[in-house]
Amino acid sequence: MAFFTRLAIALALAVTLVNAAPAMEARDQVVPMTTMTYTRVEWTLIPNSPYLTTTAFPFTVTQFSTINNAETTPAA
């Protein structure tokens, strides 16, 4: 039952944020999505890593790229 309660709360918060986003953008409280720059980092797990049994980060960066959303988003 706790799972469904948490799910309902999460969905309610998500709907609230989605509904508030246009008004916040109109008041310049957030950065418009068309001007945001996304940085994508793809991670690959290191096989047989000694760090897997510790609290160290067991990943390595394999690809790094930056995408300007304004250039990749088609005009509405």
C-alpha atoms as a PDB file:
ATOM      1  CA  MET A   1       0.000   0.000   0.000  1.00  0.00           C
ATOM      2  CA  ALA A   2       2.884   2.345   0.725  1.00  0.00           C
ATOM      3  CA  PHE A   3       4.073   1.906  -2.848  1.00  0.00           C
ATOM      4  CA  PHE A   4       0.813   3.209  -4.286  1.00  0.00           C
ATOM      5  CA  THR A   5       0.796   6.121  -1.855  1.00  0.00           C
ATOM      6  CA  ARG A   6       4.286   7.127  -2.930  1.00  0.00           C
ATOM      7  CA  LEU A   7       3.352   6.681  -6.570  1.00  0.00           C
ATOM      8  CA  ALA A   8       0.298   8.923  -6.176  1.00  0.00           C
ATOM      9  CA  ILE A   9       2.371  11.622  -4.469  1.00  0.00           C
ATOM     10  CA  ALA A  10       5.044  11.450  -7.167  1.00  0.00           C
ATOM     11  CA  LEU A  11       2.465  11.719  -9.945  1.00  0.00           C
ATOM     12  CA  ALA A  12       0.756  14.654  -8.247  1.00  0.00           C
ATOM     13  CA  LEU A  13       4.067  16.492  -7.914  1.00  0.00           C
ATOM     14  CA  ALA A  14       4.961  15.767 -11.536  1.00  0.00           C
ATOM     15  CA  VAL A  15       1.619  17.087 -12.793  1.00  0.00           C
ATOM     16  CA  THR A  16       2.010  20.206 -10.648  1.00  0.00           C
ATOM     17  CA  LEU A  17       5.464  20.932 -12.047  1.00  0.00           C
ATOM     18  CA  VAL A  18       4.388  20.321 -15.647  1.00  0.00           C
ATOM     19  CA  ASN A  19       1.394  22.633 -15.254  1.00  0.00           C
ATOM     20  CA  ALA A  20       3.466  25.361 -13.585  1.00  0.00           C
ATOM     21  CA  ALA A  21       6.293  25.328 -16.132  1.00  0.00           C
ATOM     22  CA  PRO A  22       4.706  27.615 -18.802  1.00  0.00           C
ATOM     23  CA  ALA A  23       3.752  30.269 -16.239  1.00  0.00           C
ATOM     24  CA  MET A  24       7.211  30.156 -14.665  1.00  0.00           C
ATOM     25  CA  GLU A  25       8.814  30.529 -18.091  1.00  0.00           C
ATOM     26  CA  ALA A  26       6.577  33.521 -18.850  1.00  0.00           C
ATOM     27  CA  ARG A  27       7.799  35.217 -15.664  1.00  0.00           C
ATOM     28  CA  ASP A  28      11.453  34.459 -16.563  1.00  0.00           C
ATOM     29  CA  GLN A  29      11.816  32.231 -13.521  1.00  0.00           C
ATOM     30  CA  VAL A  30      13.282  29.384 -15.541  1.00  0.00           C
ATOM     31  CA  VAL A  31      15.527  29.117 -18.571  1.00  0.00           C
ATOM     32  CA  PRO A  32      13.492  28.437 -21.734  1.00  0.00           C
ATOM     33  CA  MET A  33      14.021  24.935 -23.083  1.00  0.00           C
ATOM     34  CA  THR A  34      15.077  26.252 -26.491  1.00  0.00           C
ATOM     35  CA  THR A  35      18.145  27.961 -25.027  1.00  0.00           C
ATOM     36  CA  MET A  36      19.284  25.096 -22.826  1.00  0.00           C
ATOM     37  CA  THR A  37      22.431  23.181 -23.645  1.00  0.00           C
ATOM     38  CA  TYR A  38      22.441  19.508 -22.822  1.00  0.00           C
ATOM     39  CA  THR A  39      25.591  17.641 -21.921  1.00  0.00           C
ATOM     40  CA  ARG A  40      25.372  13.906 -22.442  1.00  0.00           C
ATOM     41  CA  VAL A  41      27.775  11.590 -20.698  1.00  0.00           C
ATOM     42  CA  GLU A  42      27.587   7.899 -21.467  1.00  0.00           C
ATOM     43  CA  TRP A  43      28.908   5.589 -18.792  1.00  0.00           C
ATOM     44  CA  THR A  44      30.300   2.095 -19.125  1.00  0.00           C
ATOM     45  CA  LEU A  45      30.741  -0.242 -16.181  1.00  0.00           C
ATOM     46  CA  ILE A  46      34.333  -1.361 -15.659  1.00  0.00           C
ATOM     47  CA  PRO A  47      34.353  -5.182 -15.700  1.00  0.00           C
ATOM     48  CA  ASN A  48      36.091  -6.875 -12.763  1.00  0.00           C
ATOM     49  CA  SER A  49      36.681  -3.541 -11.096  1.00  0.00           C
ATOM     50  CA  PRO A  50      38.016  -3.596  -7.523  1.00  0.00           C
ATOM     51  CA  TYR A  51      35.854  -0.526  -6.865  1.00  0.00           C
ATOM     52  CA  LEU A  52      32.621  -2.477  -7.230  1.00  0.00           C
ATOM     53  CA  THR A  53      32.833  -3.612  -3.610  1.00  0.00           C
ATOM     54  CA  THR A  54      33.624  -0.152  -2.230  1.00  0.00           C
ATOM     55  CA  THR A  55      31.880   3.213  -2.201  1.00  0.00           C
ATOM     56  CA  ALA A  56      34.031   4.533  -5.052  1.00  0.00           C
ATOM     57  CA  PHE A  57      32.322   5.371  -8.335  1.00  0.00           C
ATOM     58  CA  PRO A  58      32.575   2.229 -10.516  1.00  0.00           C
ATOM     59  CA  PHE A  59      32.141   3.939 -13.860  1.00  0.00           C
ATOM     60  CA  THR A  60      34.312   5.471 -16.528  1.00  0.00           C
ATOM     61  CA  VAL A  61      33.411   8.155 -19.052  1.00  0.00           C
ATOM     62  CA  THR A  62      33.413   6.719 -22.569  1.00  0.00           C
ATOM     63  CA  GLN A  63      31.777   9.520 -24.545  1.00  0.00           C
ATOM     64  CA  PHE A  64      31.249  13.206 -23.947  1.00  0.00           C
ATOM     65  CA  SER A  65      29.201  15.454 -26.188  1.00  0.00           C
ATOM     66  CA  THR A  66      27.317  18.716 -25.900  1.00  0.00           C
ATOM     67  CA  ILE A  67      24.081  19.316 -27.786  1.00  0.00           C
ATOM     68  CA  ASN A  68      22.461  22.699 -28.257  1.00  0.00           C
ATOM     69  CA  ASN A  69      18.740  22.029 -28.032  1.00  0.00           C
ATOM     70  CA  ALA A  70      17.854  25.097 -30.120  1.00  0.00           C
ATOM     71  CA  GLU A  71      19.666  23.578 -33.102  1.00  0.00           C
ATOM     72  CA  THR A  72      18.225  20.093 -32.774  1.00  0.00           C
ATOM     73  CA  THR A  73      14.598  20.956 -31.978  1.00  0.00           C
ATOM     74  CA  PRO A  74      12.366  21.376 -35.052  1.00  0.00           C
ATOM     75  CA  ALA A  75      10.318  24.549 -35.223  1.00  0.00           C
ATOM     76  CA  ALA A  76       6.727  24.171 -34.098  1.00  0.00           C
END
